[in-house]
Amino acid sequence: MHNVWTRLNSVVFFALTVLLAMAVMTAFSTYLHEGSPSVKVLKVSKLKTLRNHAGVDRALMTLDIEADFRAAFNWNVKQLFVYVVAEYESKKNPLNQIVVWDKIVESKDDAYIKLKRHSVKYALIDQGAELRNKTINFVLAWDHMPYTGRLYQGRGDDEESKHKYKFPGKYKLSEN
């Protein structure tokens, strides 16, 4: 007859095998689901400041965002990481991508985002002084974070998910 440790070992590894099989089935059950969130509005509503500080340009602004991410959720999605990326070219770098706003959406109930004149979380900072007269592309993107399985990203490539904004030629001090 087997002793207690041998029996405990069998039970634990059987449970781990069942857990692994269930995790694999969960991942495969939602492998093809990507959802299609709809973005209705993404735009810069107001440029608050554009200034040069210590040799680098720094901009603060407010955004209008209206997007519905409920279609991205399924029973394997733990949360979505939603963010707005500012993209532009400069002399130093052919592609600059800076996250200016983000939010973690943890449930389908919170997946409808509607913000008016919402201040960005992070300043748009250029390595040089090249933001003046620069056209910046703002894009809404998101990362799916499942309980188990592959991680994948989504990005709004339609016209509502993108916004072009041209910065002024002169520095702008803050307004109240």
Protein backbone atom coordinates (compact mmCIF):
# COMPACT_ATOMS: atom_id res chain seq x y z
CA MET A 1 0.00 0.00 0.00
CA HIS A 2 1.11 3.60 -0.62
CA ASN A 3 1.96 5.93 2.20
CA VAL A 4 0.32 9.35 2.82
CA TRP A 5 3.00 11.34 0.92
CA THR A 6 2.61 9.30 -2.23
CA ARG A 7 -1.16 9.72 -2.17
CA LEU A 8 -0.86 13.49 -1.49
CA ASN A 9 1.59 13.78 -4.38
CA SER A 10 -0.86 12.05 -6.72
CA VAL A 11 -3.78 14.27 -5.66
CA VAL A 12 -1.78 17.53 -5.98
CA PHE A 13 -0.38 16.72 -9.42
CA PHE A 14 -3.77 15.52 -10.66
CA ALA A 15 -5.28 18.86 -9.53
CA LEU A 16 -2.47 20.79 -11.26
CA THR A 17 -3.02 18.81 -14.46
CA VAL A 18 -6.76 19.57 -14.40
CA LEU A 19 -6.01 23.27 -13.73
CA LEU A 20 -3.59 23.37 -16.68
CA ALA A 21 -6.13 21.70 -18.99
CA MET A 22 -8.82 24.20 -17.95
CA ALA A 23 -6.47 27.17 -18.52
CA VAL A 24 -5.62 25.89 -22.01
CA MET A 25 -9.31 25.38 -22.85
CA THR A 26 -10.12 28.89 -21.60
CA ALA A 27 -7.39 30.39 -23.75
CA PHE A 28 -8.54 28.49 -26.87
CA SER A 29 -12.21 29.31 -26.29
CA THR A 30 -11.55 33.03 -26.78
CA TYR A 31 -8.57 32.87 -29.14
CA LEU A 32 -10.39 34.32 -32.15
CA HIS A 33 -12.44 36.92 -30.25
CA GLU A 34 -10.95 40.38 -30.59
CA GLY A 35 -14.05 42.52 -30.27
CA SER A 36 -14.42 45.79 -32.09
CA PRO A 37 -14.61 48.78 -29.75
CA SER A 38 -16.15 51.88 -31.28
CA VAL A 39 -14.58 55.29 -30.88
CA LYS A 40 -16.94 58.18 -31.50
CA VAL A 41 -14.81 61.17 -30.44
CA LEU A 42 -11.12 61.77 -29.89
CA LYS A 43 -9.85 65.32 -30.10
CA VAL A 44 -7.78 67.94 -28.36
CA SER A 45 -10.32 70.39 -26.99
CA LYS A 46 -7.86 72.99 -25.65
CA LEU A 47 -4.13 73.57 -25.50
CA LYS A 48 -3.43 74.75 -21.96
CA THR A 49 0.30 75.40 -22.18
CA LEU A 50 3.19 75.05 -24.55
CA ARG A 51 6.47 76.11 -23.01
CA ASN A 52 10.16 75.40 -23.05
CA HIS A 53 11.67 74.28 -19.77
CA ALA A 54 15.36 73.35 -19.47
CA GLY A 55 15.74 73.01 -23.23
CA VAL A 56 12.77 70.70 -23.83
CA ASP A 57 9.28 71.57 -25.05
CA ARG A 58 6.41 70.66 -22.75
CA ALA A 59 2.70 70.79 -23.62
CA LEU A 60 -0.42 70.30 -21.51
CA MET A 61 -3.88 70.04 -23.05
CA THR A 62 -7.42 68.79 -22.52
CA LEU A 63 -9.02 65.96 -24.47
CA ASP A 64 -12.54 64.99 -25.50
CA ILE A 65 -12.97 61.21 -25.61
CA GLU A 66 -16.05 59.11 -26.23
CA ALA A 67 -15.53 55.40 -26.78
CA ASP A 68 -17.40 52.16 -26.16
CA PHE A 69 -15.17 49.21 -25.19
CA ARG A 70 -17.94 46.82 -24.13
CA ALA A 71 -17.51 44.74 -27.30
CA ALA A 72 -13.90 44.00 -26.32
CA PHE A 73 -14.95 42.13 -23.16
CA ASN A 74 -15.58 38.42 -22.96
CA TRP A 75 -15.43 36.00 -20.08
CA ASN A 76 -11.62 35.67 -20.39
CA VAL A 77 -10.77 39.40 -20.33
CA LYS A 78 -9.61 40.54 -16.91
CA GLN A 79 -9.13 44.19 -17.87
CA LEU A 80 -8.36 46.61 -20.68
CA PHE A 81 -5.59 49.17 -20.60
CA VAL A 82 -6.84 52.11 -22.67
CA TYR A 83 -4.50 54.93 -23.65
CA VAL A 84 -4.04 57.91 -25.97
CA VAL A 85 -0.74 58.08 -27.85
CA ALA A 86 0.70 61.26 -29.37
CA GLU A 87 2.75 60.44 -32.47
CA TYR A 88 4.99 62.78 -34.45
CA GLU A 89 8.29 63.01 -36.31
CA SER A 90 11.28 65.08 -35.23
CA LYS A 91 14.84 65.65 -36.38
CA LYS A 92 16.22 63.39 -33.64
CA ASN A 93 13.70 60.54 -34.04
CA PRO A 94 11.69 59.44 -37.08
CA LEU A 95 8.83 58.30 -34.83
CA ASN A 96 8.00 59.65 -31.38
CA GLN A 97 5.18 57.96 -29.44
CA ILE A 98 4.18 59.44 -26.09
CA VAL A 99 1.30 58.27 -23.91
CA VAL A 100 -0.57 61.35 -22.66
CA TRP A 101 -3.60 59.71 -21.04
CA ASP A 102 -4.49 56.22 -19.81
CA LYS A 103 -7.14 54.31 -17.92
CA ILE A 104 -7.61 50.75 -16.71
CA VAL A 105 -11.08 49.40 -17.46
CA GLU A 106 -11.83 46.46 -15.19
CA SER A 107 -15.40 45.59 -16.10
CA LYS A 108 -17.91 45.81 -18.89
CA ASP A 109 -19.96 48.23 -16.77
CA ASP A 110 -17.10 50.78 -16.84
CA ALA A 111 -16.24 50.21 -20.49
CA TYR A 112 -18.10 53.24 -21.87
CA ILE A 113 -15.77 56.23 -21.61
CA LYS A 114 -17.10 59.75 -22.10
CA LEU A 115 -14.83 62.63 -21.13
CA LYS A 116 -15.22 66.32 -21.96
CA ARG A 117 -12.32 68.75 -21.54
CA HIS A 118 -10.41 66.18 -19.49
CA SER A 119 -6.82 67.16 -18.66
CA VAL A 120 -4.13 64.80 -19.86
CA LYS A 121 -2.39 62.73 -17.17
CA TYR A 122 1.08 63.10 -18.61
CA ALA A 123 2.62 66.11 -20.30
CA LEU A 124 3.68 65.85 -23.91
CA ILE A 125 7.44 66.35 -23.63
CA ASP A 126 9.78 66.52 -26.62
CA GLN A 127 13.50 65.74 -26.23
CA GLY A 128 14.34 68.93 -28.04
CA ALA A 129 12.45 72.12 -28.69
CA GLU A 130 10.51 70.86 -31.71
CA LEU A 131 6.83 70.96 -30.73
CA ARG A 132 6.13 74.43 -32.14
CA ASN A 133 4.47 74.28 -35.59
CA LYS A 134 4.38 70.49 -35.32
CA THR A 135 1.35 68.41 -36.36
CA ILE A 136 0.73 65.70 -33.78
CA ASN A 137 -1.40 62.60 -34.42
CA PHE A 138 -3.38 61.48 -31.38
CA VAL A 139 -4.50 57.83 -31.49
CA LEU A 140 -6.66 55.82 -29.08
CA ALA A 141 -5.26 52.34 -28.38
CA TRP A 142 -5.93 49.50 -25.93
CA ASP A 143 -4.36 46.31 -24.59
CA HIS A 144 -6.44 43.22 -23.75
CA MET A 145 -5.29 41.51 -20.55
CA PRO A 146 -6.87 38.05 -20.27
CA TYR A 147 -7.01 35.73 -17.30
CA THR A 148 -5.17 33.15 -19.40
CA GLY A 149 -3.97 33.10 -22.98
CA ARG A 150 -2.50 35.56 -25.41
CA LEU A 151 -2.14 39.28 -24.82
CA TYR A 152 -3.08 41.43 -27.79
CA GLN A 153 -3.41 45.08 -28.64
CA GLY A 154 -6.03 47.05 -30.47
CA ARG A 155 -5.67 50.41 -32.06
CA GLY A 156 -8.18 52.75 -33.57
CA ASP A 157 -7.23 53.14 -37.20
CA ASP A 158 -10.47 54.74 -38.37
CA GLU A 159 -11.01 58.49 -38.59
CA GLU A 160 -12.86 58.75 -35.25
CA SER A 161 -9.98 57.06 -33.40
CA LYS A 162 -7.38 59.50 -34.70
CA HIS A 163 -7.02 63.24 -34.40
CA LYS A 164 -4.48 65.58 -35.94
CA TYR A 165 -3.61 68.72 -34.00
CA LYS A 166 -1.20 71.44 -35.09
CA PHE A 167 0.66 73.20 -32.31
CA PRO A 168 1.05 76.99 -32.56
CA GLY A 169 4.28 78.62 -33.72
CA LYS A 170 4.78 80.51 -30.45
CA TYR A 171 4.94 79.34 -26.86
CA LYS A 172 1.71 79.65 -24.92
CA LEU A 173 1.63 80.28 -21.18
CA SER A 174 -1.02 78.70 -18.99
CA GLU A 175 -4.54 80.07 -18.83
CA ASN A 176 -6.92 79.70 -15.93
